[in-house]
Every structure is written in structure tokens, then in C-alpha cells.
């Protein structure tokens, strides 16, 4: 079971990203995408209308596929704190 502190930190990080208005690098967005999908147990295929974007998203998920839900949440939070909150 996911501890409450991690769940809160993850939700706070997701809200921070959702409210973030500056452009973000594509590689950062793909990592966040993969960690978010794994953390939420959402393994549906990417739904972009652009095949190239779907390929990048599928690749990001493939690269992160061996991590647990908790680890995905932790990595998402760490990435937000390291890359976005320090700007």
C-alpha cells in the first residue's frame, strides 16, 4: 500500500505541473508522462493523433516499464523538484 505522504507529495507535484505555464523540454515531458501513467496504473496506448508522438510516448513507457507504482510516484516527485521547482 502506498503511504499517505508519498501519495500527497505525488498529487502536489502533479498539480504543480498542471499549473505550470512555461514551455517544458520534450524529454522532461516524456519522463513525467511515463511516471504518471505507471503511478496511475494506466497502461492504455497513447492517444495522440500524431503517430510520431505516440511512438515517443510508447518508448518512454517502455523504458520505465520495470518500475513499481511507488517508484514511479517517487521519480515523478523528484523530477518535478529537481527540474521545475529550482527554476
N, C-alpha and C. Protein backbone atom coordinates (compact mmCIF):
# COMPACT_ATOMS: atom_id res chain seq x y z
N UNK A 1 0.84 -1.18 0.00
CA UNK A 1 0.00 0.00 0.00
C UNK A 1 0.89 1.25 0.00
N UNK A 2 0.50 2.22 -0.76
CA UNK A 2 1.26 3.46 -0.89
C UNK A 2 1.03 4.32 0.35
N UNK A 3 2.14 4.80 0.93
CA UNK A 3 1.97 5.61 2.14
C UNK A 3 1.36 6.97 1.78
N UNK A 4 0.69 7.54 2.75
CA UNK A 4 -0.06 8.79 2.53
C UNK A 4 0.85 9.95 2.17
N UNK A 5 2.04 9.99 2.77
CA UNK A 5 2.97 11.08 2.48
C UNK A 5 3.38 11.06 1.00
N UNK A 6 3.74 9.89 0.49
CA UNK A 6 4.13 9.78 -0.91
C UNK A 6 2.97 10.16 -1.82
N UNK A 7 1.79 9.68 -1.49
CA UNK A 7 0.60 9.99 -2.30
C UNK A 7 0.35 11.50 -2.33
N UNK A 8 0.47 12.16 -1.19
CA UNK A 8 0.27 13.61 -1.13
C UNK A 8 1.34 14.34 -1.92
N UNK A 9 2.60 13.94 -1.75
CA UNK A 9 3.69 14.58 -2.48
C UNK A 9 3.52 14.40 -4.00
N UNK A 10 3.07 13.22 -4.41
CA UNK A 10 2.83 12.96 -5.82
C UNK A 10 1.71 13.85 -6.35
N UNK A 11 0.59 13.90 -5.63
CA UNK A 11 -0.53 14.73 -6.07
C UNK A 11 -0.15 16.21 -6.11
N UNK A 12 0.63 16.67 -5.14
CA UNK A 12 1.10 18.05 -5.14
C UNK A 12 1.98 18.32 -6.36
N UNK A 13 2.85 17.37 -6.71
CA UNK A 13 3.72 17.52 -7.88
C UNK A 13 2.90 17.54 -9.16
N UNK A 14 1.91 16.68 -9.25
CA UNK A 14 1.03 16.65 -10.44
C UNK A 14 0.31 17.98 -10.57
N UNK A 15 -0.22 18.50 -9.48
CA UNK A 15 -0.91 19.79 -9.53
C UNK A 15 0.04 20.91 -9.92
N UNK A 16 1.28 20.85 -9.43
CA UNK A 16 2.28 21.85 -9.79
C UNK A 16 2.53 21.83 -11.30
N UNK A 17 2.69 20.64 -11.86
CA UNK A 17 2.93 20.52 -13.30
C UNK A 17 1.71 20.99 -14.09
N UNK A 18 0.52 20.64 -13.63
CA UNK A 18 -0.70 21.05 -14.33
C UNK A 18 -0.86 22.57 -14.35
N UNK A 19 -0.36 23.23 -13.32
CA UNK A 19 -0.46 24.69 -13.24
C UNK A 19 0.73 25.41 -13.87
N UNK A 20 1.75 24.67 -14.26
CA UNK A 20 2.97 25.25 -14.81
C UNK A 20 2.68 25.80 -16.20
N UNK A 21 3.08 27.03 -16.46
CA UNK A 21 2.71 27.66 -17.73
C UNK A 21 3.86 27.83 -18.72
N UNK A 22 5.11 27.72 -18.25
CA UNK A 22 6.24 27.86 -19.17
C UNK A 22 6.41 26.59 -20.00
N UNK A 23 6.98 26.73 -21.20
CA UNK A 23 7.21 25.53 -22.02
C UNK A 23 8.21 24.60 -21.34
N UNK A 24 8.02 23.31 -21.53
CA UNK A 24 8.90 22.30 -20.94
C UNK A 24 9.59 21.51 -22.05
N UNK A 25 10.82 21.09 -21.82
CA UNK A 25 11.52 20.26 -22.82
C UNK A 25 10.79 18.94 -23.04
N UNK A 26 10.84 18.47 -24.27
CA UNK A 26 10.12 17.24 -24.63
C UNK A 26 10.59 16.04 -23.82
N UNK A 27 11.89 15.92 -23.56
CA UNK A 27 12.38 14.76 -22.81
C UNK A 27 11.85 14.76 -21.38
N UNK A 28 11.72 15.92 -20.78
CA UNK A 28 11.15 16.03 -19.44
C UNK A 28 9.67 15.64 -19.45
N UNK A 29 8.95 16.13 -20.43
CA UNK A 29 7.52 15.80 -20.55
C UNK A 29 7.31 14.30 -20.73
N UNK A 30 8.17 13.67 -21.51
CA UNK A 30 8.03 12.23 -21.74
C UNK A 30 8.30 11.43 -20.48
N UNK A 31 9.29 11.84 -19.70
CA UNK A 31 9.56 11.15 -18.43
C UNK A 31 8.38 11.33 -17.47
N UNK A 32 7.89 12.56 -17.36
CA UNK A 32 6.74 12.81 -16.49
C UNK A 32 5.54 11.98 -16.95
N UNK A 33 5.33 11.93 -18.25
CA UNK A 33 4.22 11.15 -18.82
C UNK A 33 4.32 9.68 -18.41
N UNK A 34 5.50 9.10 -18.58
CA UNK A 34 5.68 7.68 -18.28
C UNK A 34 5.48 7.42 -16.78
N UNK A 35 6.08 8.23 -15.93
CA UNK A 35 5.93 8.04 -14.49
C UNK A 35 4.48 8.22 -14.05
N UNK A 36 3.80 9.20 -14.63
CA UNK A 36 2.40 9.45 -14.28
C UNK A 36 1.53 8.25 -14.67
N UNK A 37 1.74 7.75 -15.88
CA UNK A 37 0.93 6.62 -16.35
C UNK A 37 1.15 5.39 -15.46
N UNK A 38 2.40 5.11 -15.12
CA UNK A 38 2.70 3.95 -14.28
C UNK A 38 2.12 4.16 -12.88
N UNK A 39 2.30 5.34 -12.32
CA UNK A 39 1.79 5.64 -10.97
C UNK A 39 0.28 5.49 -10.89
N UNK A 40 -0.39 5.74 -11.99
CA UNK A 40 -1.86 5.64 -12.02
C UNK A 40 -2.36 4.34 -12.64
N UNK A 41 -1.46 3.40 -12.85
CA UNK A 41 -1.80 2.10 -13.42
C UNK A 41 -2.61 2.23 -14.71
N UNK A 42 -2.23 3.20 -15.51
CA UNK A 42 -2.91 3.44 -16.79
C UNK A 42 -1.98 2.99 -17.91
N UNK A 43 -2.22 1.81 -18.43
CA UNK A 43 -1.36 1.26 -19.46
C UNK A 43 -2.03 1.27 -20.83
N UNK A 44 -3.01 2.15 -21.00
CA UNK A 44 -3.64 2.30 -22.31
C UNK A 44 -2.62 2.83 -23.30
N UNK A 45 -2.86 2.55 -24.56
CA UNK A 45 -1.98 3.08 -25.60
C UNK A 45 -2.08 4.60 -25.65
N UNK A 46 -0.97 5.27 -26.01
CA UNK A 46 -1.03 6.73 -26.16
C UNK A 46 -2.11 7.11 -27.15
N UNK A 47 -2.77 8.22 -26.91
CA UNK A 47 -3.93 8.58 -27.73
C UNK A 47 -3.72 9.78 -28.63
N UNK A 48 -2.48 10.10 -28.95
CA UNK A 48 -2.24 11.24 -29.82
C UNK A 48 -2.66 10.93 -31.26
N UNK A 49 -3.04 11.96 -31.97
CA UNK A 49 -3.39 11.80 -33.39
C UNK A 49 -2.14 11.72 -34.26
N UNK A 50 -1.00 12.05 -33.66
CA UNK A 50 0.26 12.06 -34.40
C UNK A 50 1.04 10.79 -34.10
N UNK A 51 1.28 9.95 -35.11
CA UNK A 51 1.98 8.69 -34.87
C UNK A 51 3.37 8.86 -34.24
N UNK A 52 4.09 9.90 -34.60
CA UNK A 52 5.43 10.11 -34.05
C UNK A 52 5.36 10.39 -32.54
N UNK A 53 4.39 11.18 -32.13
CA UNK A 53 4.22 11.46 -30.70
C UNK A 53 3.85 10.17 -29.96
N UNK A 54 2.97 9.36 -30.55
CA UNK A 54 2.62 8.07 -29.95
C UNK A 54 3.86 7.20 -29.79
N UNK A 55 4.72 7.21 -30.77
CA UNK A 55 5.94 6.40 -30.71
C UNK A 55 6.85 6.87 -29.58
N UNK A 56 7.01 8.18 -29.43
CA UNK A 56 7.84 8.70 -28.34
C UNK A 56 7.23 8.35 -26.97
N UNK A 57 5.93 8.48 -26.85
CA UNK A 57 5.26 8.15 -25.59
C UNK A 57 5.39 6.66 -25.28
N UNK A 58 5.18 5.83 -26.29
CA UNK A 58 5.30 4.38 -26.09
C UNK A 58 6.73 4.02 -25.69
N UNK A 59 7.71 4.66 -26.29
CA UNK A 59 9.10 4.41 -25.95
C UNK A 59 9.40 4.83 -24.51
N UNK A 60 8.87 5.97 -24.08
CA UNK A 60 9.07 6.43 -22.71
C UNK A 60 8.47 5.43 -21.72
N UNK A 61 7.30 4.92 -22.03
CA UNK A 61 6.68 3.91 -21.17
C UNK A 61 7.49 2.62 -21.16
N UNK A 62 7.98 2.23 -22.30
CA UNK A 62 8.78 1.01 -22.40
C UNK A 62 10.05 1.12 -21.55
N UNK A 63 10.69 2.28 -21.58
CA UNK A 63 11.92 2.48 -20.82
C UNK A 63 11.68 2.44 -19.31
N UNK A 64 10.49 2.81 -18.88
CA UNK A 64 10.18 2.87 -17.45
C UNK A 64 9.33 1.69 -16.98
N UNK A 65 9.13 0.71 -17.81
CA UNK A 65 8.14 -0.33 -17.51
C UNK A 65 8.47 -1.21 -16.31
N UNK A 66 9.70 -1.29 -15.91
CA UNK A 66 10.07 -2.20 -14.83
C UNK A 66 10.03 -1.56 -13.43
N UNK A 67 9.51 -0.36 -13.32
CA UNK A 67 9.47 0.27 -12.00
C UNK A 67 8.09 0.08 -11.37
N UNK A 68 8.08 0.10 -10.06
CA UNK A 68 6.81 -0.08 -9.33
C UNK A 68 6.01 1.21 -9.32
N UNK A 69 4.79 1.12 -8.88
CA UNK A 69 3.93 2.30 -8.76
C UNK A 69 4.55 3.31 -7.80
N UNK A 70 5.02 2.82 -6.66
CA UNK A 70 5.64 3.71 -5.68
C UNK A 70 6.89 4.39 -6.23
N UNK A 71 7.70 3.61 -6.95
CA UNK A 71 8.92 4.17 -7.53
C UNK A 71 8.58 5.21 -8.60
N UNK A 72 7.54 4.97 -9.38
CA UNK A 72 7.11 5.93 -10.40
C UNK A 72 6.66 7.23 -9.74
N UNK A 73 5.93 7.11 -8.64
CA UNK A 73 5.49 8.32 -7.92
C UNK A 73 6.71 9.08 -7.38
N UNK A 74 7.64 8.36 -6.79
CA UNK A 74 8.83 8.98 -6.23
C UNK A 74 9.66 9.67 -7.32
N UNK A 75 9.83 9.00 -8.45
CA UNK A 75 10.61 9.57 -9.55
C UNK A 75 9.92 10.81 -10.12
N UNK A 76 8.60 10.78 -10.20
CA UNK A 76 7.84 11.93 -10.68
C UNK A 76 8.09 13.13 -9.77
N UNK A 77 7.96 12.91 -8.46
CA UNK A 77 8.16 13.97 -7.48
C UNK A 77 9.59 14.50 -7.56
N UNK A 78 10.57 13.61 -7.61
CA UNK A 78 11.98 14.02 -7.69
C UNK A 78 12.24 14.85 -8.93
N UNK A 79 11.68 14.43 -10.05
CA UNK A 79 11.89 15.15 -11.30
C UNK A 79 11.30 16.56 -11.24
N UNK A 80 10.12 16.68 -10.69
CA UNK A 80 9.48 17.99 -10.56
C UNK A 80 10.32 18.89 -9.64
N UNK A 81 10.74 18.33 -8.51
CA UNK A 81 11.52 19.13 -7.56
C UNK A 81 12.87 19.54 -8.13
N UNK A 82 13.50 18.65 -8.86
CA UNK A 82 14.84 18.93 -9.42
C UNK A 82 14.79 19.85 -10.63
N UNK A 83 13.86 19.58 -11.54
CA UNK A 83 13.85 20.29 -12.82
C UNK A 83 12.95 21.52 -12.88
N UNK A 84 11.89 21.54 -12.11
CA UNK A 84 10.93 22.64 -12.24
C UNK A 84 10.91 23.60 -11.05
N UNK A 85 11.01 23.07 -9.87
CA UNK A 85 10.90 23.94 -8.70
C UNK A 85 12.18 24.70 -8.41
N UNK A 86 13.25 24.36 -9.10
CA UNK A 86 14.51 25.07 -8.89
C UNK A 86 14.69 26.23 -9.85
N UNK A 87 13.77 26.39 -10.79
CA UNK A 87 13.90 27.47 -11.79
C UNK A 87 13.54 28.82 -11.19
